[in-house]
Amino acid sequence: MILDPILDMFRGKAVTIPPLDGAFRPNTRLDDAPTFAELTEPDNLLADGGRLLATSGNAIYSLAAGAEPKVIETFPSPITALALAPSGDLTVALESGKLLTSGKEVSLPADLSCITALAYAEDGTLWLANGSAEHAPSQWAADLMKKGASGSLWKRDATGGAFRKVTGALAFPYGLLPLGGDVLVSESWRHQLIRFDGATGNRSTVLTHLPGYPARLASAGDGGAWLALFAPRNRLIEFVLQETHYRQDMIGQVPPAYWIAPALASNRSFLEPLQCGGIRTMGIHKPWSPSRSYGLVVRLDARMQPQFSLHSRANGTRHGICSVVKMAGRLFIASKGGDCVLDAGSF
């Protein structure tokens, strides 16, 4: 209603989040999945032929069943995004804002300093997501708590040349999936997927009201996709996002690890919020309790609508899912909060 913003000043505003129901019905499939490799905060999974690559900190690892992760390349700064060109060249984005292709630095516009995702289209076009104009990728919680919407989408033609800005004012774009000449973008802080026309830049909203913060996308091989959601939404965090003065005081006085904000992992310190009452009773962490961290991967069909999902619930340990990849018919999932890469089986 038109009068709702005015009436909300007197009656208050309800804090609601989408329920975990239907295709998002909770299960324990992530916690039940076998560990493929143990790796500290794994991120950016990539299939390079028959080889599975993963990033952790400032290194790229090669992963194989029954073997220790093998370092294949290191960089002077943590890796924030990874993509493989049709030519076989590896493109790497760093926390420092640099972009490298086969070890050579790529020239970037001055306002590109928070690269969160990279993706090559079949024709060699390179898509790039810049999460924020104000914060580095590792400062994503600050961008959310300050209600940032300074992210942008860029592309570079297959022939090379400079990056061209497609659109701005995005609320932390975190995942990219080329679809022909178009690209699908996950917009984390607005909990939605958007499709952009590669020729005109026109946008259309594909999926909204997600129950968490979407991260990276991966092709499912049949026109559909896999979507990682790196943290859940809950009412307390949504309420804090509405309280400007409280957020400002929290940001200024409390260490970021203990903010009332989403997290990649939780239940590791007695200083963390959300630990008592409806969360933990008689020493038992309730699986249905509100949580700052969660594990969630969603299968999308060719229309990008949810079909089913894989979960690690509030009392689980495979939280902070930022990246997934399908290789040789099997689904591999990086749990950044659980320090492991999972083999979820055939799909």
Protein backbone atom coordinates (compact mmCIF):
# COMPACT_ATOMS: atom_id res chain seq x y z
CA MET A 1 0.00 0.00 0.00
CA ILE A 2 1.06 3.58 -0.66
CA LEU A 3 0.44 4.55 2.98
CA ASP A 4 2.51 1.69 4.43
CA PRO A 5 5.78 3.66 4.82
CA ILE A 6 3.89 6.38 6.72
CA LEU A 7 1.88 3.97 8.88
CA ASP A 8 5.01 1.97 9.69
CA MET A 9 6.30 4.99 11.63
CA PHE A 10 3.46 4.49 14.14
CA ARG A 11 2.67 0.78 14.08
CA GLY A 12 6.20 -0.57 13.56
CA LYS A 13 7.40 -2.73 10.70
CA ALA A 14 7.16 -6.50 10.75
CA VAL A 15 10.46 -8.33 10.33
CA THR A 16 9.85 -11.34 8.09
CA ILE A 17 12.11 -13.73 6.22
CA PRO A 18 11.23 -16.42 3.67
CA PRO A 19 10.63 -19.82 5.30
CA LEU A 20 12.79 -22.85 4.62
CA ASP A 21 10.05 -24.80 2.90
CA GLY A 22 9.26 -26.42 -0.43
CA ALA A 23 12.50 -26.71 -2.42
CA PHE A 24 14.31 -25.26 0.62
CA ARG A 25 13.03 -27.85 3.09
CA PRO A 26 15.84 -28.55 5.61
CA ASN A 27 17.82 -31.78 5.53
CA THR A 28 21.30 -32.96 6.56
CA ARG A 29 22.71 -33.82 3.13
CA LEU A 30 25.78 -31.59 3.48
CA ASP A 31 26.68 -32.95 6.90
CA ASP A 32 26.13 -36.50 5.60
CA ALA A 33 28.32 -35.98 2.52
CA PRO A 34 31.84 -37.45 2.66
CA THR A 35 34.84 -35.15 2.87
CA PHE A 36 36.76 -35.07 -0.40
CA ALA A 37 39.61 -32.93 0.97
CA GLU A 38 40.43 -31.01 4.11
CA LEU A 39 41.51 -27.44 3.37
CA THR A 40 41.49 -24.24 5.43
CA GLU A 41 38.64 -21.98 4.28
CA PRO A 42 38.38 -23.41 0.73
CA ASP A 43 36.92 -21.12 -1.90
CA ASN A 44 36.57 -20.78 -5.69
CA LEU A 45 36.22 -24.35 -6.90
CA LEU A 46 37.10 -24.84 -10.57
CA ALA A 47 37.14 -27.83 -12.91
CA ASP A 48 40.25 -27.72 -15.11
CA GLY A 49 39.80 -30.68 -17.41
CA GLY A 50 39.92 -33.71 -15.10
CA ARG A 51 41.55 -31.72 -12.31
CA LEU A 52 39.71 -30.09 -9.41
CA LEU A 53 41.17 -26.76 -8.28
CA ALA A 54 40.37 -24.84 -5.11
CA THR A 55 41.71 -21.65 -3.58
CA SER A 56 42.64 -21.15 0.05
CA GLY A 57 44.18 -17.90 1.20
CA ASN A 58 46.80 -16.86 -1.36
CA ALA A 59 47.26 -20.30 -2.94
CA ILE A 60 45.63 -22.46 -5.60
CA TYR A 61 45.46 -26.17 -4.74
CA SER A 62 44.91 -29.27 -6.84
CA LEU A 63 42.61 -31.76 -5.10
CA ALA A 64 42.45 -35.51 -5.60
CA ALA A 65 40.66 -38.28 -3.74
CA GLY A 66 42.76 -39.84 -0.99
CA ALA A 67 45.63 -37.36 -1.41
CA GLU A 68 46.77 -34.24 0.38
CA PRO A 69 45.91 -30.95 -1.38
CA LYS A 70 48.82 -29.94 -3.59
CA VAL A 71 49.85 -26.30 -4.01
CA ILE A 72 50.21 -25.43 -7.69
CA GLU A 73 50.63 -21.65 -7.45
CA THR A 74 50.83 -18.92 -4.81
CA PHE A 75 50.24 -15.17 -4.95
CA PRO A 76 51.21 -12.14 -2.82
CA SER A 77 47.59 -11.55 -1.75
CA PRO A 78 44.54 -13.73 -0.94
CA ILE A 79 42.63 -14.99 -3.99
CA THR A 80 39.08 -13.70 -4.33
CA ALA A 81 37.96 -15.10 -7.71
CA LEU A 82 39.05 -17.66 -10.27
CA ALA A 83 38.04 -18.44 -13.86
CA LEU A 84 39.25 -20.63 -16.73
CA ALA A 85 39.23 -19.19 -20.26
CA PRO A 86 38.18 -21.32 -23.24
CA SER A 87 41.84 -21.12 -24.33
CA GLY A 88 42.90 -22.75 -21.06
CA ASP A 89 44.34 -19.58 -19.51
CA LEU A 90 43.72 -19.20 -15.79
CA THR A 91 42.48 -15.80 -14.59
CA VAL A 92 42.95 -14.94 -10.92
CA ALA A 93 41.65 -11.97 -8.90
CA LEU A 94 43.37 -10.92 -5.69
CA GLU A 95 42.27 -9.16 -2.51
CA SER A 96 44.66 -6.35 -3.42
CA GLY A 97 42.49 -5.55 -6.45
CA LYS A 98 44.84 -7.00 -9.05
CA LEU A 99 43.74 -9.27 -11.91
CA LEU A 100 46.16 -11.78 -13.46
CA THR A 101 45.81 -13.97 -16.54
CA SER A 102 48.43 -16.69 -16.90
CA GLY A 103 50.56 -14.75 -14.42
CA LYS A 104 50.41 -11.45 -16.34
CA GLU A 105 48.67 -8.46 -14.74
CA VAL A 106 45.60 -7.16 -16.56
CA SER A 107 44.96 -3.41 -16.67
CA LEU A 108 41.80 -2.46 -14.77
CA PRO A 109 39.78 0.75 -14.34
CA ALA A 110 40.66 2.64 -11.15
CA ASP A 111 37.31 1.89 -9.46
CA LEU A 112 37.69 -1.89 -9.77
CA SER A 113 39.15 -3.04 -6.46
CA CYS A 114 36.73 -5.62 -4.99
CA ILE A 115 36.54 -8.48 -7.49
CA THR A 116 34.19 -11.13 -6.11
CA ALA A 117 33.50 -13.28 -9.20
CA LEU A 118 34.84 -13.98 -12.69
CA ALA A 119 33.29 -16.02 -15.50
CA TYR A 120 34.11 -16.65 -19.15
CA ALA A 121 31.37 -17.07 -21.72
CA GLU A 122 31.80 -19.69 -24.44
CA ASP A 123 32.93 -17.03 -26.93
CA GLY A 124 35.71 -15.84 -24.60
CA THR A 125 33.93 -12.79 -23.17
CA LEU A 126 35.07 -12.22 -19.58
CA TRP A 127 32.45 -11.11 -17.04
CA LEU A 128 33.58 -9.53 -13.79
CA ALA A 129 31.66 -8.71 -10.60
CA ASN A 130 32.94 -5.89 -8.39
CA GLY A 131 31.30 -6.39 -5.00
CA SER A 132 31.76 -2.91 -3.58
CA ALA A 133 33.36 0.42 -4.39
CA GLU A 134 34.01 1.05 -0.69
CA HIS A 135 35.22 -2.23 0.82
CA ALA A 136 37.58 -5.09 0.03
CA PRO A 137 36.10 -8.58 -0.54
CA SER A 138 37.11 -9.71 2.97
CA GLN A 139 35.14 -6.77 4.43
CA TRP A 140 31.81 -8.04 3.12
CA ALA A 141 30.17 -7.90 6.57
CA ALA A 142 30.94 -4.19 6.85
CA ASP A 143 29.45 -3.61 3.40
CA LEU A 144 26.24 -5.36 4.47
CA MET A 145 25.99 -3.59 7.82
CA LYS A 146 26.46 -0.24 6.09
CA LYS A 147 23.77 -1.23 3.55
CA GLY A 148 26.23 -0.99 0.69
CA ALA A 149 24.94 -0.92 -2.88
CA SER A 150 27.99 0.27 -4.77
CA GLY A 151 28.76 -2.99 -6.60
CA SER A 152 29.02 -3.20 -10.36
CA LEU A 153 29.10 -5.59 -13.34
CA TRP A 154 31.80 -5.38 -16.02
CA LYS A 155 32.70 -7.24 -19.21
CA ARG A 156 35.63 -7.52 -21.59
CA ASP A 157 35.08 -8.71 -25.14
CA ALA A 158 36.71 -11.88 -26.38
CA THR A 159 38.96 -9.79 -28.61
CA GLY A 160 40.50 -8.19 -25.53
CA GLY A 161 40.72 -4.49 -24.82
CA ALA A 162 39.45 -2.61 -21.80
CA PHE A 163 36.70 -3.64 -19.39
CA ARG A 164 33.36 -1.93 -19.97
CA LYS A 165 30.94 -1.20 -17.17
CA VAL A 166 27.56 -2.82 -17.77
CA THR A 167 25.73 -1.58 -14.68
CA GLY A 168 26.27 -0.24 -11.17
CA ALA A 169 24.35 0.23 -7.89
CA LEU A 170 24.37 -3.51 -7.19
CA ALA A 171 24.20 -4.74 -3.59
CA PHE A 172 27.30 -6.95 -3.51
CA PRO A 173 27.21 -9.09 -6.69
CA TYR A 174 28.88 -12.35 -5.70
CA GLY A 175 28.23 -14.91 -8.43
CA LEU A 176 28.22 -15.01 -12.24
CA LEU A 177 26.93 -17.53 -14.77
CA PRO A 178 27.09 -16.72 -18.51
CA LEU A 179 23.95 -17.77 -20.40
CA GLY A 180 24.63 -17.41 -24.10
CA GLY A 181 25.21 -13.69 -24.59
CA ASP A 182 23.59 -12.86 -21.25
CA VAL A 183 24.83 -13.31 -17.69
CA LEU A 184 23.12 -14.34 -14.46
CA VAL A 185 24.22 -12.41 -11.37
CA SER A 186 23.62 -13.24 -7.71
CA GLU A 187 23.01 -10.04 -5.71
CA SER A 188 23.73 -10.95 -2.10
CA TRP A 189 22.31 -8.10 -0.02
CA ARG A 190 19.04 -8.06 -2.00
CA HIS A 191 18.76 -11.88 -1.86
CA GLN A 192 18.05 -12.30 -5.55
CA LEU A 193 19.25 -13.44 -8.98
CA ILE A 194 19.26 -11.00 -11.89
CA ARG A 195 19.77 -11.64 -15.61
CA PHE A 196 21.53 -9.00 -17.70
CA ASP A 197 21.33 -8.76 -21.49
CA GLY A 198 24.88 -8.84 -22.79
CA ALA A 199 24.14 -6.51 -25.70
CA THR A 200 21.93 -3.86 -24.08
CA GLY A 201 22.60 -4.24 -20.36
CA ASN A 202 18.86 -4.51 -19.71
CA ARG A 203 18.06 -6.40 -16.53
CA SER A 204 15.32 -8.79 -15.48
CA THR A 205 14.82 -10.28 -12.03
CA VAL A 206 14.86 -14.08 -12.19
CA LEU A 207 14.52 -15.19 -8.57
CA THR A 208 13.76 -13.13 -5.46
CA HIS A 209 13.20 -13.54 -1.70
CA LEU A 210 15.91 -16.12 -1.17
CA PRO A 211 16.20 -17.31 2.47
CA GLY A 212 19.94 -16.56 2.56
CA TYR A 213 22.72 -14.54 0.98
CA PRO A 214 23.54 -15.95 -2.49
CA ALA A 215 27.16 -16.51 -3.45
CA ARG A 216 28.57 -18.16 -6.56
CA LEU A 217 26.79 -19.96 -9.37
CA ALA A 218 27.87 -23.01 -11.37
CA SER A 219 26.44 -24.63 -14.47
CA ALA A 220 24.49 -27.86 -13.92
CA GLY A 221 25.11 -28.97 -17.50
CA ASP A 222 21.45 -29.15 -18.58
CA GLY A 223 20.60 -25.45 -18.77
CA GLY A 224 20.10 -25.24 -15.02
CA ALA A 225 22.48 -24.15 -12.30
CA TRP A 226 23.77 -24.75 -8.79
CA LEU A 227 23.63 -21.83 -6.38
CA ALA A 228 25.60 -21.53 -3.12
CA LEU A 229 24.16 -19.44 -0.28
CA PHE A 230 26.94 -18.53 2.13
CA ALA A 231 24.86 -17.49 5.16
CA PRO A 232 21.22 -17.51 6.30
CA ARG A 233 18.87 -14.64 6.91
CA ASN A 234 17.33 -14.36 10.35
CA ARG A 235 14.98 -11.94 12.06
CA LEU A 236 17.50 -10.49 14.48
CA ILE A 237 19.93 -9.54 11.71
CA GLU A 238 17.08 -8.15 9.60
CA PHE A 239 15.97 -6.09 12.61
CA VAL A 240 19.49 -4.76 13.21
CA LEU A 241 19.67 -3.71 9.56
CA GLN A 242 16.66 -1.46 10.20
CA GLU A 243 18.19 0.19 13.28
CA THR A 244 20.63 2.79 11.96
CA HIS A 245 21.95 4.14 15.27
CA TYR A 246 22.43 0.66 16.76
CA ARG A 247 24.35 -0.50 13.68
CA GLN A 248 26.58 2.56 13.76
CA ASP A 249 27.38 2.01 17.46
CA MET A 250 27.99 -1.71 16.88
CA ILE A 251 30.34 -1.05 13.95
CA GLY A 252 32.24 1.57 15.94
CA GLN A 253 32.54 -0.28 19.26
CA VAL A 254 32.39 -4.04 18.67
CA PRO A 255 35.02 -6.21 16.89
CA PRO A 256 33.61 -7.40 13.51
CA ALA A 257 33.76 -11.08 14.54
CA TYR A 258 31.12 -10.41 17.21
CA TRP A 259 28.71 -8.23 15.24
CA ILE A 260 25.10 -9.31 14.94
CA ALA A 261 25.72 -10.13 11.31
CA PRO A 262 25.88 -13.21 9.07
CA ALA A 263 28.96 -15.42 9.48
CA LEU A 264 30.68 -18.23 7.59
CA ALA A 265 31.01 -20.23 10.84
CA SER A 266 29.67 -19.81 14.36
CA ASN A 267 29.62 -21.40 17.81
CA ARG A 268 33.39 -20.98 18.16
CA SER A 269 33.57 -18.32 20.87
CA PHE A 270 31.57 -17.50 24.01
CA LEU A 271 31.67 -13.84 22.89
CA GLU A 272 29.52 -14.48 19.82
CA PRO A 273 25.88 -13.34 19.81
CA LEU A 274 22.99 -15.81 19.49
CA GLN A 275 24.04 -18.61 21.82
CA CYS A 276 21.46 -19.05 24.58
CA GLY A 277 17.72 -19.49 25.10
CA GLY A 278 16.13 -20.71 21.89
CA ILE A 279 19.53 -21.53 20.39
CA ARG A 280 21.02 -23.93 22.93
CA THR A 281 19.14 -25.79 25.66
CA MET A 282 20.79 -28.12 28.18
CA GLY A 283 23.98 -28.08 26.10
CA ILE A 284 22.22 -29.13 22.89
CA HIS A 285 22.30 -26.82 19.86
CA LYS A 286 18.85 -26.96 18.27
CA PRO A 287 19.06 -27.70 14.52
CA TRP A 288 16.03 -25.47 13.82
CA SER A 289 17.29 -22.50 15.84
CA PRO A 290 18.13 -19.14 14.24
CA SER A 291 21.77 -19.07 13.29
CA ARG A 292 24.37 -16.63 11.98
CA SER A 293 25.87 -19.37 9.81
CA TYR A 294 24.41 -22.22 7.77
CA GLY A 295 25.23 -24.49 4.84
CA LEU A 296 22.96 -24.30 1.79
CA VAL A 297 23.23 -25.29 -1.88
CA VAL A 298 20.25 -25.04 -4.25
CA ARG A 299 19.58 -26.78 -7.57
CA LEU A 300 17.94 -24.46 -10.11
CA ASP A 301 16.20 -25.64 -13.27
CA ALA A 302 16.53 -24.09 -16.74
CA ARG A 303 14.10 -21.31 -15.69
CA MET A 304 16.33 -20.69 -12.65
CA GLN A 305 13.63 -21.84 -10.24
CA PRO A 306 14.58 -23.90 -7.14
CA GLN A 307 14.07 -27.66 -7.40
CA PHE A 308 15.72 -29.02 -4.24
CA SER A 309 18.50 -28.12 -1.82
CA LEU A 310 21.27 -29.55 0.34
CA HIS A 311 21.66 -28.30 3.92
CA SER A 312 23.95 -28.17 6.93
CA ARG A 313 21.62 -26.90 9.65
CA ALA A 314 22.28 -24.65 12.63
CA ASN A 315 23.87 -27.50 14.62
CA GLY A 316 25.93 -28.70 11.64
CA THR A 317 29.54 -27.93 10.74
CA ARG A 318 29.56 -27.60 6.92
CA HIS A 319 28.65 -23.92 6.87
CA GLY A 320 29.74 -20.97 4.74
CA ILE A 321 29.23 -22.48 1.28
CA CYS A 322 30.68 -19.97 -1.20
CA SER A 323 31.44 -22.15 -4.24
CA VAL A 324 30.25 -25.33 -5.97
CA VAL A 325 31.28 -27.07 -9.17
CA LYS A 326 30.10 -30.10 -11.12
CA MET A 327 32.89 -32.28 -12.53
CA ALA A 328 32.70 -35.75 -14.07
CA GLY A 329 29.05 -35.99 -13.07
CA ARG A 330 29.76 -35.33 -9.39
CA LEU A 331 29.02 -32.25 -7.32
CA PHE A 332 31.84 -30.76 -5.26
CA ILE A 333 31.10 -28.19 -2.56
CA ALA A 334 33.51 -25.89 -0.72
CA SER A 335 32.58 -25.30 2.92
CA LYS A 336 34.56 -22.22 3.89
CA GLY A 337 33.25 -22.36 7.44
CA GLY A 338 33.85 -26.10 7.75
CA ASP A 339 37.40 -26.15 6.31
CA CYS A 340 36.63 -28.89 3.82
CA VAL A 341 35.59 -29.74 0.27
CA LEU A 342 32.70 -32.18 0.04
CA ASP A 343 31.86 -34.78 -2.58
CA ALA A 344 28.06 -34.61 -2.64
CA GLY A 345 27.77 -37.44 -5.17
CA SER A 346 26.22 -37.78 -8.62
CA PHE A 347 23.58 -35.35 -9.85
